[in-house]
């Protein structure tokens, strides 16, 4: 695999983060206002939200889910679960989202997809779906886009 830059201290405003994540900014603001995307970076009156690299990764997954027809409330719940995972594993290139037949889903960085039970053992609920999210190239693309935006002076024409 090619090595991409994996980190940056640069952040993006909502408009830039939405563009990078391929999410319509107005729809994102509506989802945030409705409480459907609760992991959006906090803000205060007169200040723009600042999305970091992992915020934008989660936002891209949100957009991908919306594109797949998932309703905003559910897409936001899943994307925010991913954002929580990235808080613990900030440099992760991949993660697994496990959905058991009963109970809450689980995010993990390692999982053998041949397993039929949650990682707690055979007495755990059975797994009905596993979704694998890969961020290696996405992370590199986002860092590149943030660096490119940082090199632009002035507003877009």
C-alpha atoms as a PDB file:
ATOM      1  CA  UNK A   1       0.000   0.000   0.000  1.00  0.00           C
ATOM      2  CA  UNK A   2       1.184   3.510  -0.749  1.00  0.00           C
ATOM      3  CA  UNK A   3       1.892   5.656   2.240  1.00  0.00           C
ATOM      4  CA  UNK A   4      -0.224   8.773   2.534  1.00  0.00           C
ATOM      5  CA  UNK A   5       0.034  11.465   5.155  1.00  0.00           C
ATOM      6  CA  UNK A   6      -2.137  10.192   7.983  1.00  0.00           C
ATOM      7  CA  UNK A   7      -2.336  13.232  10.191  1.00  0.00           C
ATOM      8  CA  UNK A   8      -2.686  16.970  10.013  1.00  0.00           C
ATOM      9  CA  UNK A   9      -3.337  19.735  12.500  1.00  0.00           C
ATOM     10  CA  UNK A  10      -5.438  21.570   9.932  1.00  0.00           C
ATOM     11  CA  UNK A  11      -9.185  21.810  10.475  1.00  0.00           C
ATOM     12  CA  UNK A  12     -12.048  22.738   8.177  1.00  0.00           C
ATOM     13  CA  UNK A  13     -15.125  24.888   8.550  1.00  0.00           C
ATOM     14  CA  UNK A  14     -18.486  23.222   7.927  1.00  0.00           C
ATOM     15  CA  UNK A  15     -18.569  24.341   4.298  1.00  0.00           C
ATOM     16  CA  UNK A  16     -15.091  22.977   3.504  1.00  0.00           C
ATOM     17  CA  UNK A  17     -15.624  19.777   5.531  1.00  0.00           C
ATOM     18  CA  UNK A  18     -18.915  19.160   3.714  1.00  0.00           C
ATOM     19  CA  UNK A  19     -17.249  19.696   0.331  1.00  0.00           C
ATOM     20  CA  UNK A  20     -14.398  17.318   1.171  1.00  0.00           C
ATOM     21  CA  UNK A  21     -16.834  14.732   2.592  1.00  0.00           C
ATOM     22  CA  UNK A  22     -19.182  15.155  -0.401  1.00  0.00           C
ATOM     23  CA  UNK A  23     -22.137  16.129   1.788  1.00  0.00           C
ATOM     24  CA  UNK A  24     -24.507  18.960   0.873  1.00  0.00           C
ATOM     25  CA  UNK A  25     -23.781  21.719   3.450  1.00  0.00           C
ATOM     26  CA  UNK A  26     -27.407  22.821   3.855  1.00  0.00           C
ATOM     27  CA  UNK A  27     -28.570  19.238   4.445  1.00  0.00           C
ATOM     28  CA  UNK A  28     -25.750  18.786   6.977  1.00  0.00           C
ATOM     29  CA  UNK A  29     -26.776  21.929   8.866  1.00  0.00           C
ATOM     30  CA  UNK A  30     -30.380  20.697   8.862  1.00  0.00           C
ATOM     31  CA  UNK A  31     -29.290  17.300  10.230  1.00  0.00           C
ATOM     32  CA  UNK A  32     -27.209  18.978  12.956  1.00  0.00           C
ATOM     33  CA  UNK A  33     -30.085  21.309  13.915  1.00  0.00           C
ATOM     34  CA  UNK A  34     -32.515  18.362  14.036  1.00  0.00           C
ATOM     35  CA  UNK A  35     -30.153  16.403  16.294  1.00  0.00           C
ATOM     36  CA  UNK A  36     -29.511  13.735  13.631  1.00  0.00           C
ATOM     37  CA  UNK A  37     -25.742  14.372  13.612  1.00  0.00           C
ATOM     38  CA  UNK A  38     -24.922  14.881  17.310  1.00  0.00           C
ATOM     39  CA  UNK A  39     -21.156  14.388  16.952  1.00  0.00           C
ATOM     40  CA  UNK A  40     -20.677  17.547  14.889  1.00  0.00           C
ATOM     41  CA  UNK A  41     -18.000  19.711  16.486  1.00  0.00           C
ATOM     42  CA  UNK A  42     -19.480  22.156  18.946  1.00  0.00           C
ATOM     43  CA  UNK A  43     -19.713  25.842  18.203  1.00  0.00           C
ATOM     44  CA  UNK A  44     -20.904  29.051  19.782  1.00  0.00           C
ATOM     45  CA  UNK A  45     -22.666  32.105  18.409  1.00  0.00           C
ATOM     46  CA  UNK A  46     -20.572  33.810  15.765  1.00  0.00           C
ATOM     47  CA  UNK A  47     -18.016  30.997  15.505  1.00  0.00           C
ATOM     48  CA  UNK A  48     -17.716  28.403  12.760  1.00  0.00           C
ATOM     49  CA  UNK A  49     -17.515  24.691  13.546  1.00  0.00           C
ATOM     50  CA  UNK A  50     -14.008  23.279  13.110  1.00  0.00           C
ATOM     51  CA  UNK A  51     -13.885  19.706  11.743  1.00  0.00           C
ATOM     52  CA  UNK A  52     -10.660  17.777  12.273  1.00  0.00           C
ATOM     53  CA  UNK A  53      -9.455  14.896  10.114  1.00  0.00           C
ATOM     54  CA  UNK A  54     -11.441  12.194  11.925  1.00  0.00           C
ATOM     55  CA  UNK A  55     -14.535  14.410  12.036  1.00  0.00           C
ATOM     56  CA  UNK A  56     -14.347  14.589   8.236  1.00  0.00           C
ATOM     57  CA  UNK A  57     -13.867  10.812   7.943  1.00  0.00           C
ATOM     58  CA  UNK A  58     -17.036  10.284   9.997  1.00  0.00           C
ATOM     59  CA  UNK A  59     -18.810  12.934   7.929  1.00  0.00           C
ATOM     60  CA  UNK A  60     -17.822  11.137   4.697  1.00  0.00           C
ATOM     61  CA  UNK A  61     -19.259   7.886   6.064  1.00  0.00           C
ATOM     62  CA  UNK A  62     -22.424   9.804   6.981  1.00  0.00           C
ATOM     63  CA  UNK A  63     -22.641  11.059   3.403  1.00  0.00           C
ATOM     64  CA  UNK A  64     -22.000   7.570   2.012  1.00  0.00           C
ATOM     65  CA  UNK A  65     -24.826   6.172   4.154  1.00  0.00           C
ATOM     66  CA  UNK A  66     -27.182   8.948   3.011  1.00  0.00           C
ATOM     67  CA  UNK A  67     -26.214   8.180  -0.606  1.00  0.00           C
ATOM     68  CA  UNK A  68     -27.113   4.533   0.102  1.00  0.00           C
ATOM     69  CA  UNK A  69     -30.612   5.567   1.215  1.00  0.00           C
ATOM     70  CA  UNK A  70     -30.124   5.415   4.982  1.00  0.00           C
ATOM     71  CA  UNK A  71     -32.300   7.993   6.757  1.00  0.00           C
ATOM     72  CA  UNK A  72     -30.353  10.904   8.324  1.00  0.00           C
ATOM     73  CA  UNK A  73     -31.135   9.918  11.939  1.00  0.00           C
ATOM     74  CA  UNK A  74     -29.750   6.386  11.447  1.00  0.00           C
ATOM     75  CA  UNK A  75     -26.839   7.568   9.277  1.00  0.00           C
ATOM     76  CA  UNK A  76     -25.901  10.082  11.976  1.00  0.00           C
ATOM     77  CA  UNK A  77     -26.085   7.415  14.679  1.00  0.00           C
ATOM     78  CA  UNK A  78     -23.748   5.129  12.712  1.00  0.00           C
ATOM     79  CA  UNK A  79     -21.329   7.918  11.730  1.00  0.00           C
ATOM     80  CA  UNK A  80     -21.161   9.162  15.314  1.00  0.00           C
ATOM     81  CA  UNK A  81     -20.430   5.609  16.491  1.00  0.00           C
ATOM     82  CA  UNK A  82     -17.538   5.626  14.040  1.00  0.00           C
ATOM     83  CA  UNK A  83     -16.407   9.017  15.379  1.00  0.00           C
ATOM     84  CA  UNK A  84     -16.398   7.566  18.900  1.00  0.00           C
ATOM     85  CA  UNK A  85     -14.289   4.648  17.617  1.00  0.00           C
ATOM     86  CA  UNK A  86     -11.845   7.124  16.034  1.00  0.00           C
ATOM     87  CA  UNK A  87     -11.512   8.951  19.355  1.00  0.00           C
ATOM     88  CA  UNK A  88     -10.013   5.751  20.795  1.00  0.00           C
ATOM     89  CA  UNK A  89      -8.176   4.673  17.605  1.00  0.00           C
ATOM     90  CA  UNK A  90      -7.307   8.001  15.911  1.00  0.00           C
ATOM     91  CA  UNK A  91      -4.908   6.477  13.348  1.00  0.00           C
ATOM     92  CA  UNK A  92      -7.081   3.506  12.366  1.00  0.00           C
ATOM     93  CA  UNK A  93      -7.118   2.638   8.679  1.00  0.00           C
ATOM     94  CA  UNK A  94      -9.965   0.155   9.059  1.00  0.00           C
ATOM     95  CA  UNK A  95     -12.713  -0.811  11.462  1.00  0.00           C
ATOM     96  CA  UNK A  96     -15.558  -3.297  11.740  1.00  0.00           C
ATOM     97  CA  UNK A  97     -19.106  -2.400  12.667  1.00  0.00           C
ATOM     98  CA  UNK A  98     -20.783  -5.479  14.150  1.00  0.00           C
ATOM     99  CA  UNK A  99     -24.545  -5.724  14.466  1.00  0.00           C
ATOM    100  CA  UNK A 100     -25.824  -8.495  16.763  1.00  0.00           C
ATOM    101  CA  UNK A 101     -29.292 -10.005  16.504  1.00  0.00           C
ATOM    102  CA  UNK A 102     -30.136  -8.304  19.822  1.00  0.00           C
ATOM    103  CA  UNK A 103     -28.517  -5.398  21.602  1.00  0.00           C
ATOM    104  CA  UNK A 104     -26.320  -2.550  20.497  1.00  0.00           C
ATOM    105  CA  UNK A 105     -23.806  -2.593  17.691  1.00  0.00           C
ATOM    106  CA  UNK A 106     -20.082  -2.695  18.372  1.00  0.00           C
ATOM    107  CA  UNK A 107     -17.109  -1.024  16.686  1.00  0.00           C
ATOM    108  CA  UNK A 108     -13.771  -2.824  16.711  1.00  0.00           C
ATOM    109  CA  UNK A 109     -10.441  -2.580  14.903  1.00  0.00           C
ATOM    110  CA  UNK A 110      -9.914  -6.362  14.675  1.00  0.00           C
ATOM    111  CA  UNK A 111     -12.433  -9.035  13.825  1.00  0.00           C
ATOM    112  CA  UNK A 112     -12.448 -12.385  12.049  1.00  0.00           C
ATOM    113  CA  UNK A 113     -15.470 -12.181   9.769  1.00  0.00           C
ATOM    114  CA  UNK A 114     -15.950 -15.942  10.093  1.00  0.00           C
ATOM    115  CA  UNK A 115     -17.053 -15.463  13.711  1.00  0.00           C
ATOM    116  CA  UNK A 116     -20.775 -15.801  14.274  1.00  0.00           C
ATOM    117  CA  UNK A 117     -20.886 -14.424  17.826  1.00  0.00           C
ATOM    118  CA  UNK A 118     -19.893 -11.115  19.353  1.00  0.00           C
ATOM    119  CA  UNK A 119     -16.268 -11.003  20.625  1.00  0.00           C
ATOM    120  CA  UNK A 120     -17.377 -11.769  24.218  1.00  0.00           C
ATOM    121  CA  UNK A 121     -17.611 -15.497  23.400  1.00  0.00           C
ATOM    122  CA  UNK A 122     -20.054 -18.189  22.251  1.00  0.00           C
ATOM    123  CA  UNK A 123     -22.687 -17.210  24.831  1.00  0.00           C
ATOM    124  CA  UNK A 124     -22.814 -13.721  23.294  1.00  0.00           C
ATOM    125  CA  UNK A 125     -25.513 -12.735  20.816  1.00  0.00           C
ATOM    126  CA  UNK A 126     -25.045 -13.885  17.252  1.00  0.00           C
ATOM    127  CA  UNK A 127     -23.854 -11.391  14.655  1.00  0.00           C
ATOM    128  CA  UNK A 128     -26.255 -10.706  11.807  1.00  0.00           C
ATOM    129  CA  UNK A 129     -24.095  -8.244   9.900  1.00  0.00           C
ATOM    130  CA  UNK A 130     -20.558  -6.923   9.695  1.00  0.00           C
ATOM    131  CA  UNK A 131     -19.650  -3.775   7.827  1.00  0.00           C
ATOM    132  CA  UNK A 132     -15.998  -3.053   7.154  1.00  0.00           C
ATOM    133  CA  UNK A 133     -14.925   0.557   6.773  1.00  0.00           C
ATOM    134  CA  UNK A 134     -11.551   1.271   5.149  1.00  0.00           C
ATOM    135  CA  UNK A 135     -10.043   4.733   5.592  1.00  0.00           C
ATOM    136  CA  UNK A 136      -6.476   4.385   4.292  1.00  0.00           C
ATOM    137  CA  UNK A 137      -6.997   6.214   1.003  1.00  0.00           C
ATOM    138  CA  UNK A 138      -9.825   8.354   2.374  1.00  0.00           C
ATOM    139  CA  UNK A 139      -7.562   9.634   5.170  1.00  0.00           C
ATOM    140  CA  UNK A 140      -4.836  10.499   2.642  1.00  0.00           C
ATOM    141  CA  UNK A 141      -7.305  12.246   0.338  1.00  0.00           C
ATOM    142  CA  UNK A 142      -8.724  14.324   3.192  1.00  0.00           C
ATOM    143  CA  UNK A 143      -5.249  15.391   4.358  1.00  0.00           C
ATOM    144  CA  UNK A 144      -4.427  16.351   0.759  1.00  0.00           C
ATOM    145  CA  UNK A 145      -7.666  18.357   0.415  1.00  0.00           C
ATOM    146  CA  UNK A 146      -7.032  20.177   3.713  1.00  0.00           C
ATOM    147  CA  UNK A 147      -3.467  21.022   2.632  1.00  0.00           C
ATOM    148  CA  UNK A 148      -4.718  22.282  -0.741  1.00  0.00           C
ATOM    149  CA  UNK A 149      -7.366  24.458   0.919  1.00  0.00           C
ATOM    150  CA  UNK A 150      -4.753  25.877   3.307  1.00  0.00           C
ATOM    151  CA  UNK A 151      -2.729  27.049   0.300  1.00  0.00           C
ATOM    152  CA  UNK A 152      -5.613  29.133  -1.102  1.00  0.00           C
ATOM    153  CA  UNK A 153      -5.822  32.768  -0.097  1.00  0.00           C
ATOM    154  CA  UNK A 154      -9.175  34.569  -0.348  1.00  0.00           C
ATOM    155  CA  UNK A 155     -12.746  33.460  -0.964  1.00  0.00           C
ATOM    156  CA  UNK A 156     -13.839  31.441  -3.965  1.00  0.00           C
ATOM    157  CA  UNK A 157     -15.047  33.571  -6.860  1.00  0.00           C
END
